[in-house]
Amino acid sequence: MNISIIVAKAKNNVIGKDNQLIWKLSSDLRFFKKTTTGHHIIMGRKTYDSMGKPLPNRTSIVITRNTDFEIPEGHFVVHSLEESIRLCISKNLGQVYIIGGAQIYKEAINICDEMLITEVDAHPEGDVYFPNFETSNWKKENVEQFQKDENNEYNFEIVTYKRIKQ
């Protein structure tokens, strides 16, 4: 099973503020939708709460310590990243995406096979950060650049990092 992190982060590693996205990047949202549609997506409860409901055409796996937390039928509540991965393995999935938040990214960065990082050319204020990672463990496979325009608030690039197998 391929485990991928997918995230948009600023130059200062900010990924959010007040449990919200902090920029308008229509091209990145299209990329996220196209990439994750039809797949299982793993997220923390705060990320799920920020969306308000499961995303269409995807199966949500929400990690929370709250044993009473409920989501619509067909989606899953688990209590650790490890439990979410075991669930995906038991379902014989070929691909799963980890979509946040910061704590889940921090735990997942050591087990994921690739990272799809939208690197936003900005230094916004925020209260949630993507963790630093050791670049020597990763190889840039692909870089797609986007220019600021009426639908994209900042210049950005979508970078695919593949883990270098030791």
C-alpha atoms as a PDB file:
ATOM      1  CA  MET A   1       0.000   0.000   0.000  1.00  0.00           C
ATOM      2  CA  ASN A   2       1.277   3.450  -0.917  1.00  0.00           C
ATOM      3  CA  ILE A   3       0.902   6.021   1.886  1.00  0.00           C
ATOM      4  CA  SER A   4       0.968   9.649   0.699  1.00  0.00           C
ATOM      5  CA  ILE A   5       0.906  12.892   2.618  1.00  0.00           C
ATOM      6  CA  ILE A   6      -0.857  15.688   0.765  1.00  0.00           C
ATOM      7  CA  VAL A   7      -0.516  19.232   2.125  1.00  0.00           C
ATOM      8  CA  ALA A   8      -0.286  22.899   1.173  1.00  0.00           C
ATOM      9  CA  LYS A   9       2.298  24.789   3.204  1.00  0.00           C
ATOM     10  CA  ALA A  10       3.818  28.246   3.177  1.00  0.00           C
ATOM     11  CA  LYS A  11       7.560  29.014   3.072  1.00  0.00           C
ATOM     12  CA  ASN A  12       7.446  29.276   6.888  1.00  0.00           C
ATOM     13  CA  ASN A  13       5.663  25.863   7.090  1.00  0.00           C
ATOM     14  CA  VAL A  14       2.321  27.418   8.104  1.00  0.00           C
ATOM     15  CA  ILE A  15      -0.597  25.219   7.025  1.00  0.00           C
ATOM     16  CA  GLY A  16      -3.503  26.890   8.796  1.00  0.00           C
ATOM     17  CA  LYS A  17      -4.896  29.373  11.246  1.00  0.00           C
ATOM     18  CA  ASP A  18      -7.982  29.081  13.456  1.00  0.00           C
ATOM     19  CA  ASN A  19      -8.737  25.661  11.910  1.00  0.00           C
ATOM     20  CA  GLN A  20      -9.112  27.193   8.433  1.00  0.00           C
ATOM     21  CA  LEU A  21      -7.203  27.367   5.162  1.00  0.00           C
ATOM     22  CA  ILE A  22      -5.333  30.645   4.892  1.00  0.00           C
ATOM     23  CA  TRP A  23      -5.227  31.221   1.142  1.00  0.00           C
ATOM     24  CA  LYS A  24      -7.284  30.912  -1.996  1.00  0.00           C
ATOM     25  CA  LEU A  25      -5.573  28.575  -4.454  1.00  0.00           C
ATOM     26  CA  SER A  26      -8.176  27.171  -6.834  1.00  0.00           C
ATOM     27  CA  SER A  27      -5.613  25.202  -8.838  1.00  0.00           C
ATOM     28  CA  ASP A  28      -4.359  23.492  -5.678  1.00  0.00           C
ATOM     29  CA  LEU A  29      -7.902  22.603  -4.596  1.00  0.00           C
ATOM     30  CA  ARG A  30      -8.513  21.054  -8.036  1.00  0.00           C
ATOM     31  CA  PHE A  31      -5.278  19.060  -7.681  1.00  0.00           C
ATOM     32  CA  PHE A  32      -6.328  17.867  -4.203  1.00  0.00           C
ATOM     33  CA  LYS A  33      -9.767  16.824  -5.429  1.00  0.00           C
ATOM     34  CA  LYS A  34      -8.436  15.047  -8.544  1.00  0.00           C
ATOM     35  CA  THR A  35      -5.724  13.261  -6.540  1.00  0.00           C
ATOM     36  CA  THR A  36      -7.792  12.086  -3.563  1.00  0.00           C
ATOM     37  CA  THR A  37     -11.139  11.292  -5.248  1.00  0.00           C
ATOM     38  CA  GLY A  38     -11.933   7.610  -5.070  1.00  0.00           C
ATOM     39  CA  HIS A  39      -9.488   6.988  -2.223  1.00  0.00           C
ATOM     40  CA  HIS A  40      -9.470   6.716   1.564  1.00  0.00           C
ATOM     41  CA  ILE A  41      -8.273   9.888   3.301  1.00  0.00           C
ATOM     42  CA  ILE A  42      -6.871   9.893   6.847  1.00  0.00           C
ATOM     43  CA  MET A  43      -7.195  12.983   9.002  1.00  0.00           C
ATOM     44  CA  GLY A  44      -7.379  14.219  12.557  1.00  0.00           C
ATOM     45  CA  ARG A  45     -10.656  15.291  14.105  1.00  0.00           C
ATOM     46  CA  LYS A  46      -9.902  19.025  13.844  1.00  0.00           C
ATOM     47  CA  THR A  47      -9.275  18.667  10.105  1.00  0.00           C
ATOM     48  CA  TYR A  48     -12.550  16.772   9.772  1.00  0.00           C
ATOM     49  CA  ASP A  49     -14.351  19.453  11.808  1.00  0.00           C
ATOM     50  CA  SER A  50     -12.968  22.183   9.530  1.00  0.00           C
ATOM     51  CA  MET A  51     -14.585  20.434   6.545  1.00  0.00           C
ATOM     52  CA  GLY A  52     -17.870  19.859   8.379  1.00  0.00           C
ATOM     53  CA  LYS A  53     -18.686  16.600   6.603  1.00  0.00           C
ATOM     54  CA  PRO A  54     -17.009  13.840   4.598  1.00  0.00           C
ATOM     55  CA  LEU A  55     -15.657  14.958   1.231  1.00  0.00           C
ATOM     56  CA  PRO A  56     -17.602  13.576  -1.747  1.00  0.00           C
ATOM     57  CA  ASN A  57     -16.365  10.395  -3.439  1.00  0.00           C
ATOM     58  CA  ARG A  58     -13.791   9.665  -0.741  1.00  0.00           C
ATOM     59  CA  THR A  59     -13.844   7.513   2.386  1.00  0.00           C
ATOM     60  CA  SER A  60     -12.877   9.442   5.513  1.00  0.00           C
ATOM     61  CA  ILE A  61     -10.903   7.891   8.343  1.00  0.00           C
ATOM     62  CA  VAL A  62     -10.914  10.276  11.311  1.00  0.00           C
ATOM     63  CA  ILE A  63      -8.397   9.899  14.125  1.00  0.00           C
ATOM     64  CA  THR A  64      -9.664  11.084  17.515  1.00  0.00           C
ATOM     65  CA  ARG A  65      -9.234  10.289  21.194  1.00  0.00           C
ATOM     66  CA  ASN A  66     -12.981  10.856  21.658  1.00  0.00           C
ATOM     67  CA  THR A  67     -14.558   7.388  21.909  1.00  0.00           C
ATOM     68  CA  ASP A  68     -18.045   8.866  21.354  1.00  0.00           C
ATOM     69  CA  PHE A  69     -17.162  10.659  18.096  1.00  0.00           C
ATOM     70  CA  GLU A  70     -19.438   9.662  15.213  1.00  0.00           C
ATOM     71  CA  ILE A  71     -19.392  10.293  11.478  1.00  0.00           C
ATOM     72  CA  PRO A  72     -21.753   9.176   8.694  1.00  0.00           C
ATOM     73  CA  GLU A  73     -22.017   5.509   7.779  1.00  0.00           C
ATOM     74  CA  GLY A  74     -19.402   4.318   5.315  1.00  0.00           C
ATOM     75  CA  HIS A  75     -16.670   6.355   7.021  1.00  0.00           C
ATOM     76  CA  PHE A  76     -14.495   5.349   9.962  1.00  0.00           C
ATOM     77  CA  VAL A  77     -13.418   6.621  13.373  1.00  0.00           C
ATOM     78  CA  VAL A  78     -10.129   5.301  14.763  1.00  0.00           C
ATOM     79  CA  HIS A  79      -7.998   6.280  17.721  1.00  0.00           C
ATOM     80  CA  SER A  80      -4.447   6.319  16.327  1.00  0.00           C
ATOM     81  CA  LEU A  81      -2.543   6.654  13.081  1.00  0.00           C
ATOM     82  CA  GLU A  82      -1.414   3.051  13.500  1.00  0.00           C
ATOM     83  CA  GLU A  83      -5.042   1.916  13.754  1.00  0.00           C
ATOM     84  CA  SER A  84      -5.921   3.859  10.595  1.00  0.00           C
ATOM     85  CA  ILE A  85      -3.088   2.174   8.668  1.00  0.00           C
ATOM     86  CA  ARG A  86      -4.113  -1.276   9.933  1.00  0.00           C
ATOM     87  CA  LEU A  87      -7.676  -0.554   8.749  1.00  0.00           C
ATOM     88  CA  CYS A  88      -6.413   0.393   5.266  1.00  0.00           C
ATOM     89  CA  ILE A  89      -4.242  -2.725   5.076  1.00  0.00           C
ATOM     90  CA  SER A  90      -7.203  -4.903   6.115  1.00  0.00           C
ATOM     91  CA  LYS A  91      -9.198  -3.397   3.231  1.00  0.00           C
ATOM     92  CA  ASN A  92      -6.364  -4.227   0.776  1.00  0.00           C
ATOM     93  CA  LEU A  93      -6.076  -0.614  -0.375  1.00  0.00           C
ATOM     94  CA  GLY A  94      -3.391   0.265  -2.895  1.00  0.00           C
ATOM     95  CA  GLN A  95      -3.315   3.972  -1.994  1.00  0.00           C
ATOM     96  CA  VAL A  96      -4.231   6.120   1.002  1.00  0.00           C
ATOM     97  CA  TYR A  97      -3.809   9.878   1.540  1.00  0.00           C
ATOM     98  CA  ILE A  98      -3.036  11.609   4.821  1.00  0.00           C
ATOM     99  CA  ILE A  99      -4.580  15.079   4.709  1.00  0.00           C
ATOM    100  CA  GLY A 100      -3.761  16.571   8.135  1.00  0.00           C
ATOM    101  CA  GLY A 101      -3.520  18.142  10.543  1.00  0.00           C
ATOM    102  CA  ALA A 102      -0.148  18.990  12.025  1.00  0.00           C
ATOM    103  CA  GLN A 103       0.021  16.209  14.629  1.00  0.00           C
ATOM    104  CA  ILE A 104      -1.050  13.559  12.118  1.00  0.00           C
ATOM    105  CA  TYR A 105       1.539  14.841   9.609  1.00  0.00           C
ATOM    106  CA  LYS A 106       4.216  14.734  12.323  1.00  0.00           C
ATOM    107  CA  GLU A 107       3.398  11.092  13.079  1.00  0.00           C
ATOM    108  CA  ALA A 108       3.015  10.098   9.409  1.00  0.00           C
ATOM    109  CA  ILE A 109       6.166  11.679   8.014  1.00  0.00           C
ATOM    110  CA  ASN A 110       8.257   8.680   9.139  1.00  0.00           C
ATOM    111  CA  ILE A 111       5.985   6.050   7.562  1.00  0.00           C
ATOM    112  CA  CYS A 112       4.769   7.643   4.332  1.00  0.00           C
ATOM    113  CA  ASP A 113       6.134   6.690   0.917  1.00  0.00           C
ATOM    114  CA  GLU A 114       5.619  10.050  -0.755  1.00  0.00           C
ATOM    115  CA  MET A 115       4.643  13.619  -0.009  1.00  0.00           C
ATOM    116  CA  LEU A 116       2.643  15.797  -2.382  1.00  0.00           C
ATOM    117  CA  ILE A 117       3.485  19.255  -1.086  1.00  0.00           C
ATOM    118  CA  THR A 118       2.016  22.452  -2.439  1.00  0.00           C
ATOM    119  CA  GLU A 119       4.761  24.935  -1.585  1.00  0.00           C
ATOM    120  CA  VAL A 120       3.123  28.349  -1.380  1.00  0.00           C
ATOM    121  CA  ASP A 121       5.267  31.450  -1.948  1.00  0.00           C
ATOM    122  CA  ALA A 122       4.027  33.244   1.175  1.00  0.00           C
ATOM    123  CA  HIS A 123       4.902  33.809   4.849  1.00  0.00           C
ATOM    124  CA  PRO A 124       1.483  34.126   6.515  1.00  0.00           C
ATOM    125  CA  GLU A 125       0.723  34.126  10.214  1.00  0.00           C
ATOM    126  CA  GLY A 126      -0.687  30.863  11.421  1.00  0.00           C
ATOM    127  CA  ASP A 127      -1.082  28.546  14.360  1.00  0.00           C
ATOM    128  CA  VAL A 128      -0.573  25.172  12.645  1.00  0.00           C
ATOM    129  CA  TYR A 129       2.685  24.094  11.003  1.00  0.00           C
ATOM    130  CA  PHE A 130       3.899  21.285   8.775  1.00  0.00           C
ATOM    131  CA  PRO A 131       6.857  19.535  10.450  1.00  0.00           C
ATOM    132  CA  ASN A 132      10.386  19.985   9.188  1.00  0.00           C
ATOM    133  CA  PHE A 133      11.706  16.918   7.421  1.00  0.00           C
ATOM    134  CA  GLU A 134      15.154  15.633   6.525  1.00  0.00           C
ATOM    135  CA  THR A 135      15.470  16.448   2.825  1.00  0.00           C
ATOM    136  CA  SER A 136      18.259  13.905   2.354  1.00  0.00           C
ATOM    137  CA  ASN A 137      15.631  11.157   2.851  1.00  0.00           C
ATOM    138  CA  TRP A 138      13.559  12.438  -0.073  1.00  0.00           C
ATOM    139  CA  LYS A 139      13.935  12.851  -3.816  1.00  0.00           C
ATOM    140  CA  LYS A 140      12.005  15.483  -5.769  1.00  0.00           C
ATOM    141  CA  GLU A 141      10.236  13.531  -8.505  1.00  0.00           C
ATOM    142  CA  ASN A 142       8.072  16.218 -10.058  1.00  0.00           C
ATOM    143  CA  VAL A 143       7.539  19.965  -9.771  1.00  0.00           C
ATOM    144  CA  GLU A 144       4.600  21.797 -11.331  1.00  0.00           C
ATOM    145  CA  GLN A 145       4.607  25.595 -11.088  1.00  0.00           C
ATOM    146  CA  PHE A 146       1.584  27.890 -10.883  1.00  0.00           C
ATOM    147  CA  GLN A 147       1.503  31.667 -11.148  1.00  0.00           C
ATOM    148  CA  LYS A 148      -0.568  34.033  -9.071  1.00  0.00           C
ATOM    149  CA  ASP A 149      -3.742  35.024 -10.934  1.00  0.00           C
ATOM    150  CA  GLU A 150      -7.406  35.830 -10.279  1.00  0.00           C
ATOM    151  CA  ASN A 151      -7.982  32.276  -8.942  1.00  0.00           C
ATOM    152  CA  ASN A 152      -4.702  31.777  -7.104  1.00  0.00           C
ATOM    153  CA  GLU A 153      -3.713  34.236  -4.412  1.00  0.00           C
ATOM    154  CA  TYR A 154       0.016  33.350  -4.497  1.00  0.00           C
ATOM    155  CA  ASN A 155       2.611  31.771  -6.730  1.00  0.00           C
ATOM    156  CA  PHE A 156       3.090  28.118  -5.751  1.00  0.00           C
ATOM    157  CA  GLU A 157       4.432  24.828  -6.921  1.00  0.00           C
ATOM    158  CA  ILE A 158       3.235  21.299  -6.347  1.00  0.00           C
ATOM    159  CA  VAL A 159       6.222  19.112  -5.530  1.00  0.00           C
ATOM    160  CA  THR A 160       6.167  15.307  -5.385  1.00  0.00           C
ATOM    161  CA  TYR A 161       8.733  13.909  -2.968  1.00  0.00           C
ATOM    162  CA  LYS A 162       9.471  10.175  -2.981  1.00  0.00           C
ATOM    163  CA  ARG A 163      11.147   8.537  -0.020  1.00  0.00           C
ATOM    164  CA  ILE A 164      14.654   7.313  -0.796  1.00  0.00           C
ATOM    165  CA  LYS A 165      14.724   3.634   0.160  1.00  0.00           C
ATOM    166  CA  GLN A 166      17.649   2.826   2.430  1.00  0.00           C
END
